[in-house]
């Protein structure tokens, strides 16, 4: 019987892409960096690639946080202080709390039935601010953020430290739900959990990372979890 549900935050509960674009536009504009749709899209692609390298253990967190800006500025032929711009970007990012459609109703539906835990790779200060501004921290019995745990998804260390903090934890009674194949699904499967991939855009799966379940809308999740 299902008891414990681990939920990713970014692009599963909160719309990270929208918050990212708003924060990035403010930070870059203040630094006199020309900003248009192409620049935002390129940063998004660079950022995603850098985080995947972190998930694979090829980069450290600090390398990702600064490197994404260094790469962007290099491509634009600009010299800017990556550390300062990153600081301002994360400050603005903490203010963004747009919801993925159906997320608020999902939390309301799941919280009385299951023990909900947040499992996020985000920066702790940013994620806590977003949770507070969105008013959803109350739904979670625990919040696990990689920087505080000293390990990132999808590493087994991240998940084992989560498990150790959950009273009476049982893998057989738990599931990991998230939008990232490389982080949430691979990490959950490697840690011995059942996994559910939230895939609203119909992305193709990977032969080496196969989720146990898949939903295209958050509204589908409560009925699925009832069967587990």
C-alpha atoms as a PDB file:
ATOM      1  CA  UNK A   1       0.000   0.000   0.000  1.00  0.00           C
ATOM      2  CA  UNK A   2       1.370   3.389  -0.962  1.00  0.00           C
ATOM      3  CA  UNK A   3       2.320   5.627   1.953  1.00  0.00           C
ATOM      4  CA  UNK A   4       5.159   7.937   0.888  1.00  0.00           C
ATOM      5  CA  UNK A   5       5.209  10.196  -2.179  1.00  0.00           C
ATOM      6  CA  UNK A   6       8.360  12.058  -3.155  1.00  0.00           C
ATOM      7  CA  UNK A   7       7.588  15.034  -5.402  1.00  0.00           C
ATOM      8  CA  UNK A   8       9.954  17.085  -7.492  1.00  0.00           C
ATOM      9  CA  UNK A   9       9.346  20.842  -7.389  1.00  0.00           C
ATOM     10  CA  UNK A  10      10.548  22.536 -10.576  1.00  0.00           C
ATOM     11  CA  UNK A  11       8.326  21.932 -13.603  1.00  0.00           C
ATOM     12  CA  UNK A  12       6.372  19.372 -11.569  1.00  0.00           C
ATOM     13  CA  UNK A  13       4.667  21.617  -9.011  1.00  0.00           C
ATOM     14  CA  UNK A  14       5.996  25.093  -9.830  1.00  0.00           C
ATOM     15  CA  UNK A  15       6.552  26.424 -13.351  1.00  0.00           C
ATOM     16  CA  UNK A  16      10.312  26.814 -13.332  1.00  0.00           C
ATOM     17  CA  UNK A  17      10.592  27.797 -16.994  1.00  0.00           C
ATOM     18  CA  UNK A  18       8.371  30.823 -16.459  1.00  0.00           C
ATOM     19  CA  UNK A  19      10.133  31.860 -13.255  1.00  0.00           C
ATOM     20  CA  UNK A  20      13.510  31.357 -14.911  1.00  0.00           C
ATOM     21  CA  UNK A  21      12.658  33.598 -17.867  1.00  0.00           C
ATOM     22  CA  UNK A  22      11.349  36.399 -15.637  1.00  0.00           C
ATOM     23  CA  UNK A  23      14.341  36.296 -13.282  1.00  0.00           C
ATOM     24  CA  UNK A  24      16.855  36.024 -16.094  1.00  0.00           C
ATOM     25  CA  UNK A  25      15.399  38.938 -18.000  1.00  0.00           C
ATOM     26  CA  UNK A  26      15.685  41.176 -14.919  1.00  0.00           C
ATOM     27  CA  UNK A  27      19.227  40.096 -14.045  1.00  0.00           C
ATOM     28  CA  UNK A  28      20.575  40.411 -17.577  1.00  0.00           C
ATOM     29  CA  UNK A  29      18.874  43.737 -18.227  1.00  0.00           C
ATOM     30  CA  UNK A  30      20.467  45.175 -15.093  1.00  0.00           C
ATOM     31  CA  UNK A  31      23.852  43.982 -16.391  1.00  0.00           C
ATOM     32  CA  UNK A  32      23.303  45.689 -19.761  1.00  0.00           C
ATOM     33  CA  UNK A  33      23.038  42.408 -21.603  1.00  0.00           C
ATOM     34  CA  UNK A  34      20.682  42.580 -24.615  1.00  0.00           C
ATOM     35  CA  UNK A  35      17.776  40.250 -23.903  1.00  0.00           C
ATOM     36  CA  UNK A  36      15.370  38.757 -26.404  1.00  0.00           C
ATOM     37  CA  UNK A  37      13.641  35.442 -26.917  1.00  0.00           C
ATOM     38  CA  UNK A  38      16.705  33.900 -28.556  1.00  0.00           C
ATOM     39  CA  UNK A  39      18.963  34.800 -25.630  1.00  0.00           C
ATOM     40  CA  UNK A  40      16.482  33.412 -23.100  1.00  0.00           C
ATOM     41  CA  UNK A  41      16.097  30.208 -25.091  1.00  0.00           C
ATOM     42  CA  UNK A  42      19.863  29.781 -25.405  1.00  0.00           C
ATOM     43  CA  UNK A  43      20.394  30.270 -21.680  1.00  0.00           C
ATOM     44  CA  UNK A  44      17.667  27.722 -20.960  1.00  0.00           C
ATOM     45  CA  UNK A  45      19.390  25.164 -23.189  1.00  0.00           C
ATOM     46  CA  UNK A  46      22.819  25.853 -21.674  1.00  0.00           C
ATOM     47  CA  UNK A  47      21.427  25.642 -18.138  1.00  0.00           C
ATOM     48  CA  UNK A  48      19.663  22.335 -18.797  1.00  0.00           C
ATOM     49  CA  UNK A  49      22.818  20.839 -20.310  1.00  0.00           C
ATOM     50  CA  UNK A  50      24.940  22.019 -17.376  1.00  0.00           C
ATOM     51  CA  UNK A  51      22.567  20.470 -14.820  1.00  0.00           C
ATOM     52  CA  UNK A  52      22.622  17.161 -16.716  1.00  0.00           C
ATOM     53  CA  UNK A  53      26.425  17.193 -16.469  1.00  0.00           C
ATOM     54  CA  UNK A  54      26.061  17.745 -12.724  1.00  0.00           C
ATOM     55  CA  UNK A  55      23.656  14.798 -12.521  1.00  0.00           C
ATOM     56  CA  UNK A  56      26.272  12.673 -14.274  1.00  0.00           C
ATOM     57  CA  UNK A  57      28.954  13.801 -11.821  1.00  0.00           C
ATOM     58  CA  UNK A  58      30.940  15.673 -14.470  1.00  0.00           C
ATOM     59  CA  UNK A  59      30.497  19.127 -12.891  1.00  0.00           C
ATOM     60  CA  UNK A  60      30.161  20.531  -9.384  1.00  0.00           C
ATOM     61  CA  UNK A  61      27.262  22.744  -8.382  1.00  0.00           C
ATOM     62  CA  UNK A  62      29.443  25.855  -8.323  1.00  0.00           C
ATOM     63  CA  UNK A  63      30.728  25.059 -11.808  1.00  0.00           C
ATOM     64  CA  UNK A  64      27.147  24.829 -13.038  1.00  0.00           C
ATOM     65  CA  UNK A  65      25.942  28.016 -11.371  1.00  0.00           C
ATOM     66  CA  UNK A  66      28.731  30.170 -12.800  1.00  0.00           C
ATOM     67  CA  UNK A  67      29.543  28.210 -15.929  1.00  0.00           C
ATOM     68  CA  UNK A  68      26.092  28.630 -17.466  1.00  0.00           C
ATOM     69  CA  UNK A  69      26.555  32.406 -17.464  1.00  0.00           C
ATOM     70  CA  UNK A  70      30.166  32.262 -18.602  1.00  0.00           C
ATOM     71  CA  UNK A  71      29.141  30.113 -21.570  1.00  0.00           C
ATOM     72  CA  UNK A  72      26.286  32.445 -22.492  1.00  0.00           C
ATOM     73  CA  UNK A  73      28.404  35.582 -22.252  1.00  0.00           C
ATOM     74  CA  UNK A  74      31.172  33.921 -24.253  1.00  0.00           C
ATOM     75  CA  UNK A  75      28.744  33.123 -27.040  1.00  0.00           C
ATOM     76  CA  UNK A  76      27.452  36.703 -26.974  1.00  0.00           C
ATOM     77  CA  UNK A  77      30.976  38.118 -27.012  1.00  0.00           C
ATOM     78  CA  UNK A  78      30.470  39.880 -23.692  1.00  0.00           C
ATOM     79  CA  UNK A  79      32.468  40.157 -20.484  1.00  0.00           C
ATOM     80  CA  UNK A  80      30.273  40.257 -17.392  1.00  0.00           C
ATOM     81  CA  UNK A  81      30.706  39.221 -13.699  1.00  0.00           C
ATOM     82  CA  UNK A  82      29.043  35.789 -13.655  1.00  0.00           C
ATOM     83  CA  UNK A  83      29.021  35.567  -9.857  1.00  0.00           C
ATOM     84  CA  UNK A  84      27.170  38.844  -9.329  1.00  0.00           C
ATOM     85  CA  UNK A  85      24.682  38.163 -12.099  1.00  0.00           C
ATOM     86  CA  UNK A  86      24.060  34.668 -10.736  1.00  0.00           C
ATOM     87  CA  UNK A  87      23.402  36.143  -7.286  1.00  0.00           C
ATOM     88  CA  UNK A  88      20.854  38.604  -8.652  1.00  0.00           C
ATOM     89  CA  UNK A  89      19.257  35.949 -10.840  1.00  0.00           C
ATOM     90  CA  UNK A  90      18.732  33.627  -7.874  1.00  0.00           C
ATOM     91  CA  UNK A  91      17.355  36.505  -5.809  1.00  0.00           C
ATOM     92  CA  UNK A  92      14.736  37.178  -8.466  1.00  0.00           C
ATOM     93  CA  UNK A  93      14.133  33.478  -9.055  1.00  0.00           C
ATOM     94  CA  UNK A  94      13.100  33.097  -5.427  1.00  0.00           C
ATOM     95  CA  UNK A  95      10.187  35.442  -6.087  1.00  0.00           C
ATOM     96  CA  UNK A  96       8.676  33.306  -8.851  1.00  0.00           C
ATOM     97  CA  UNK A  97       5.987  30.838  -7.851  1.00  0.00           C
ATOM     98  CA  UNK A  98       3.734  30.236 -10.835  1.00  0.00           C
ATOM     99  CA  UNK A  99       2.011  26.863 -10.610  1.00  0.00           C
ATOM    100  CA  UNK A 100       1.974  24.051 -13.114  1.00  0.00           C
ATOM    101  CA  UNK A 101      -1.728  23.571 -14.084  1.00  0.00           C
ATOM    102  CA  UNK A 102      -3.443  21.359 -11.519  1.00  0.00           C
ATOM    103  CA  UNK A 103      -0.632  21.538  -8.959  1.00  0.00           C
ATOM    104  CA  UNK A 104      -2.546  23.243  -6.158  1.00  0.00           C
ATOM    105  CA  UNK A 105      -5.489  20.865  -6.492  1.00  0.00           C
ATOM    106  CA  UNK A 106      -3.060  17.934  -6.579  1.00  0.00           C
ATOM    107  CA  UNK A 107      -1.449  18.882  -3.277  1.00  0.00           C
ATOM    108  CA  UNK A 108      -4.855  19.376  -1.683  1.00  0.00           C
ATOM    109  CA  UNK A 109      -5.905  15.912  -2.862  1.00  0.00           C
ATOM    110  CA  UNK A 110      -2.732  14.042  -1.922  1.00  0.00           C
ATOM    111  CA  UNK A 111      -1.789  15.604   1.424  1.00  0.00           C
ATOM    112  CA  UNK A 112      -4.609  13.968   3.442  1.00  0.00           C
ATOM    113  CA  UNK A 113      -3.903  10.521   1.927  1.00  0.00           C
ATOM    114  CA  UNK A 114      -0.114  10.256   1.786  1.00  0.00           C
ATOM    115  CA  UNK A 115       3.046  11.482   3.435  1.00  0.00           C
ATOM    116  CA  UNK A 116       4.383  14.019   0.941  1.00  0.00           C
ATOM    117  CA  UNK A 117       8.079  14.864   0.736  1.00  0.00           C
ATOM    118  CA  UNK A 118       9.727  17.350  -1.567  1.00  0.00           C
ATOM    119  CA  UNK A 119      12.882  16.136  -3.338  1.00  0.00           C
ATOM    120  CA  UNK A 120      14.614  18.955  -5.211  1.00  0.00           C
ATOM    121  CA  UNK A 121      17.985  19.707  -6.776  1.00  0.00           C
ATOM    122  CA  UNK A 122      17.488  23.447  -6.482  1.00  0.00           C
ATOM    123  CA  UNK A 123      19.406  25.938  -4.363  1.00  0.00           C
ATOM    124  CA  UNK A 124      18.070  25.811  -0.806  1.00  0.00           C
ATOM    125  CA  UNK A 125      17.600  29.549  -0.278  1.00  0.00           C
ATOM    126  CA  UNK A 126      15.764  29.909  -3.580  1.00  0.00           C
ATOM    127  CA  UNK A 127      13.521  26.892  -3.090  1.00  0.00           C
ATOM    128  CA  UNK A 128      12.470  27.806   0.433  1.00  0.00           C
ATOM    129  CA  UNK A 129      11.552  31.316  -0.678  1.00  0.00           C
ATOM    130  CA  UNK A 130       9.498  29.946  -3.548  1.00  0.00           C
ATOM    131  CA  UNK A 131       7.719  27.445  -1.301  1.00  0.00           C
ATOM    132  CA  UNK A 132       6.861  30.172   1.195  1.00  0.00           C
ATOM    133  CA  UNK A 133       5.677  32.664  -1.408  1.00  0.00           C
ATOM    134  CA  UNK A 134       3.566  29.955  -3.056  1.00  0.00           C
ATOM    135  CA  UNK A 135       2.086  28.961   0.321  1.00  0.00           C
ATOM    136  CA  UNK A 136       2.640  25.223  -0.206  1.00  0.00           C
ATOM    137  CA  UNK A 137       5.270  24.302   2.370  1.00  0.00           C
ATOM    138  CA  UNK A 138       2.513  23.149   4.702  1.00  0.00           C
ATOM    139  CA  UNK A 139       1.671  20.204   2.449  1.00  0.00           C
ATOM    140  CA  UNK A 140       5.038  18.512   2.957  1.00  0.00           C
ATOM    141  CA  UNK A 141       6.128  16.438   5.928  1.00  0.00           C
ATOM    142  CA  UNK A 142       9.719  17.003   4.912  1.00  0.00           C
ATOM    143  CA  UNK A 143      11.722  18.992   2.400  1.00  0.00           C
ATOM    144  CA  UNK A 144      14.874  17.496   0.921  1.00  0.00           C
ATOM    145  CA  UNK A 145      17.079  19.864  -1.064  1.00  0.00           C
ATOM    146  CA  UNK A 146      20.319  18.626  -2.549  1.00  0.00           C
ATOM    147  CA  UNK A 147      22.542  21.401  -1.251  1.00  0.00           C
ATOM    148  CA  UNK A 148      21.441  20.682   2.319  1.00  0.00           C
ATOM    149  CA  UNK A 149      21.821  16.918   1.903  1.00  0.00           C
ATOM    150  CA  UNK A 150      25.276  17.201   0.380  1.00  0.00           C
ATOM    151  CA  UNK A 151      24.322  15.194  -2.711  1.00  0.00           C
ATOM    152  CA  UNK A 152      22.336  15.763  -5.892  1.00  0.00           C
ATOM    153  CA  UNK A 153      19.653  13.760  -7.645  1.00  0.00           C
ATOM    154  CA  UNK A 154      20.025  11.211  -9.172  1.00  0.00           C
ATOM    155  CA  UNK A 155      22.794   9.972  -6.834  1.00  0.00           C
ATOM    156  CA  UNK A 156      21.944   7.140  -4.480  1.00  0.00           C
ATOM    157  CA  UNK A 157      23.419   9.212  -1.638  1.00  0.00           C
ATOM    158  CA  UNK A 158      20.718  11.848  -2.115  1.00  0.00           C
ATOM    159  CA  UNK A 159      17.927   9.280  -1.916  1.00  0.00           C
ATOM    160  CA  UNK A 160      19.436   7.280   0.943  1.00  0.00           C
ATOM    161  CA  UNK A 161      19.651  10.448   3.021  1.00  0.00           C
ATOM    162  CA  UNK A 162      16.028  11.186   2.217  1.00  0.00           C
ATOM    163  CA  UNK A 163      15.014   7.667   3.248  1.00  0.00           C
ATOM    164  CA  UNK A 164      16.905   7.922   6.518  1.00  0.00           C
ATOM    165  CA  UNK A 165      14.887  11.012   7.466  1.00  0.00           C
ATOM    166  CA  UNK A 166      11.460   9.441   6.798  1.00  0.00           C
ATOM    167  CA  UNK A 167      10.005   7.666   9.854  1.00  0.00           C
ATOM    168  CA  UNK A 168       9.266   3.987   9.190  1.00  0.00           C
ATOM    169  CA  UNK A 169      10.317   4.290   5.566  1.00  0.00           C
ATOM    170  CA  UNK A 170       9.702   1.408   3.176  1.00  0.00           C
ATOM    171  CA  UNK A 171      10.702   1.407  -0.482  1.00  0.00           C
ATOM    172  CA  UNK A 172       7.777  -0.884  -1.245  1.00  0.00           C
ATOM    173  CA  UNK A 173       5.366   1.793  -0.009  1.00  0.00           C
ATOM    174  CA  UNK A 174       6.914   4.767  -1.813  1.00  0.00           C
ATOM    175  CA  UNK A 175       7.019   6.410  -5.245  1.00  0.00           C
ATOM    176  CA  UNK A 176       9.036   9.195  -6.875  1.00  0.00           C
ATOM    177  CA  UNK A 177       7.135  11.639  -9.099  1.00  0.00           C
ATOM    178  CA  UNK A 178       8.883  14.162 -11.312  1.00  0.00           C
ATOM    179  CA  UNK A 179       9.343  15.624 -14.768  1.00  0.00           C
ATOM    180  CA  UNK A 180      13.023  14.773 -15.296  1.00  0.00           C
ATOM    181  CA  UNK A 181      14.009  11.396 -16.695  1.00  0.00           C
ATOM    182  CA  UNK A 182      17.684  11.925 -15.896  1.00  0.00           C
ATOM    183  CA  UNK A 183      17.160  13.224 -12.363  1.00  0.00           C
ATOM    184  CA  UNK A 184      13.848  12.065 -10.871  1.00  0.00           C
ATOM    185  CA  UNK A 185      13.199   8.855 -12.757  1.00  0.00           C
ATOM    186  CA  UNK A 186      16.750   7.549 -13.036  1.00  0.00           C
ATOM    187  CA  UNK A 187      17.465   8.490  -9.439  1.00  0.00           C
ATOM    188  CA  UNK A 188      14.280   6.946  -8.108  1.00  0.00           C
ATOM    189  CA  UNK A 189      14.730   3.708 -10.035  1.00  0.00           C
ATOM    190  CA  UNK A 190      18.378   3.368  -9.009  1.00  0.00           C
ATOM    191  CA  UNK A 191      17.305   3.845  -5.388  1.00  0.00           C
ATOM    192  CA  UNK A 192      14.743   1.036  -5.650  1.00  0.00           C
ATOM    193  CA  UNK A 193      11.611   3.174  -5.883  1.00  0.00           C
ATOM    194  CA  UNK A 194       8.689   2.957  -8.229  1.00  0.00           C
ATOM    195  CA  UNK A 195       8.661   6.029 -10.432  1.00  0.00           C
ATOM    196  CA  UNK A 196       6.063   8.135 -12.214  1.00  0.00           C
ATOM    197  CA  UNK A 197       7.149  10.454 -14.992  1.00  0.00           C
ATOM    198  CA  UNK A 198       5.184  13.684 -15.375  1.00  0.00           C
ATOM    199  CA  UNK A 199       5.466  14.279 -19.118  1.00  0.00           C
ATOM    200  CA  UNK A 200       3.067  17.054 -20.192  1.00  0.00           C
ATOM    201  CA  UNK A 201       4.894  17.773 -23.446  1.00  0.00           C
ATOM    202  CA  UNK A 202       4.963  14.209 -24.732  1.00  0.00           C
ATOM    203  CA  UNK A 203       8.742  13.879 -24.741  1.00  0.00           C
ATOM    204  CA  UNK A 204      10.114  10.532 -25.940  1.00  0.00           C
ATOM    205  CA  UNK A 205      11.360   8.151 -23.286  1.00  0.00           C
ATOM    206  CA  UNK A 206      14.858   6.700 -23.232  1.00  0.00           C
ATOM    207  CA  UNK A 207      15.675   3.039 -23.526  1.00  0.00           C
ATOM    208  CA  UNK A 208      18.002   3.281 -20.531  1.00  0.00           C
ATOM    209  CA  UNK A 209      15.579   5.216 -18.295  1.00  0.00           C
ATOM    210  CA  UNK A 210      12.099   3.698 -18.289  1.00  0.00           C
ATOM    211  CA  UNK A 211       9.581   4.934 -15.703  1.00  0.00           C
ATOM    212  CA  UNK A 212       7.093   2.557 -14.131  1.00  0.00           C
ATOM    213  CA  UNK A 213       4.240   4.950 -14.843  1.00  0.00           C
ATOM    214  CA  UNK A 214       3.661   8.089 -16.875  1.00  0.00           C
ATOM    215  CA  UNK A 215       1.074  10.889 -16.727  1.00  0.00           C
ATOM    216  CA  UNK A 216       0.614  13.828 -19.051  1.00  0.00           C
ATOM    217  CA  UNK A 217      -1.432  15.939 -16.603  1.00  0.00           C
ATOM    218  CA  UNK A 218      -1.270  16.281 -12.829  1.00  0.00           C
ATOM    219  CA  UNK A 219      -5.003  15.603 -12.649  1.00  0.00           C
ATOM    220  CA  UNK A 220      -4.248  11.992 -13.631  1.00  0.00           C
ATOM    221  CA  UNK A 221      -1.953  11.358 -10.690  1.00  0.00           C
ATOM    222  CA  UNK A 222      -4.382  10.805  -7.759  1.00  0.00           C
ATOM    223  CA  UNK A 223      -6.241   7.998  -9.544  1.00  0.00           C
ATOM    224  CA  UNK A 224      -2.944   6.347 -10.507  1.00  0.00           C
ATOM    225  CA  UNK A 225      -1.571   6.495  -6.976  1.00  0.00           C
ATOM    226  CA  UNK A 226      -4.713   4.865  -5.624  1.00  0.00           C
ATOM    227  CA  UNK A 227      -3.836   1.743  -7.619  1.00  0.00           C
ATOM    228  CA  UNK A 228      -0.349   1.413  -6.136  1.00  0.00           C
END
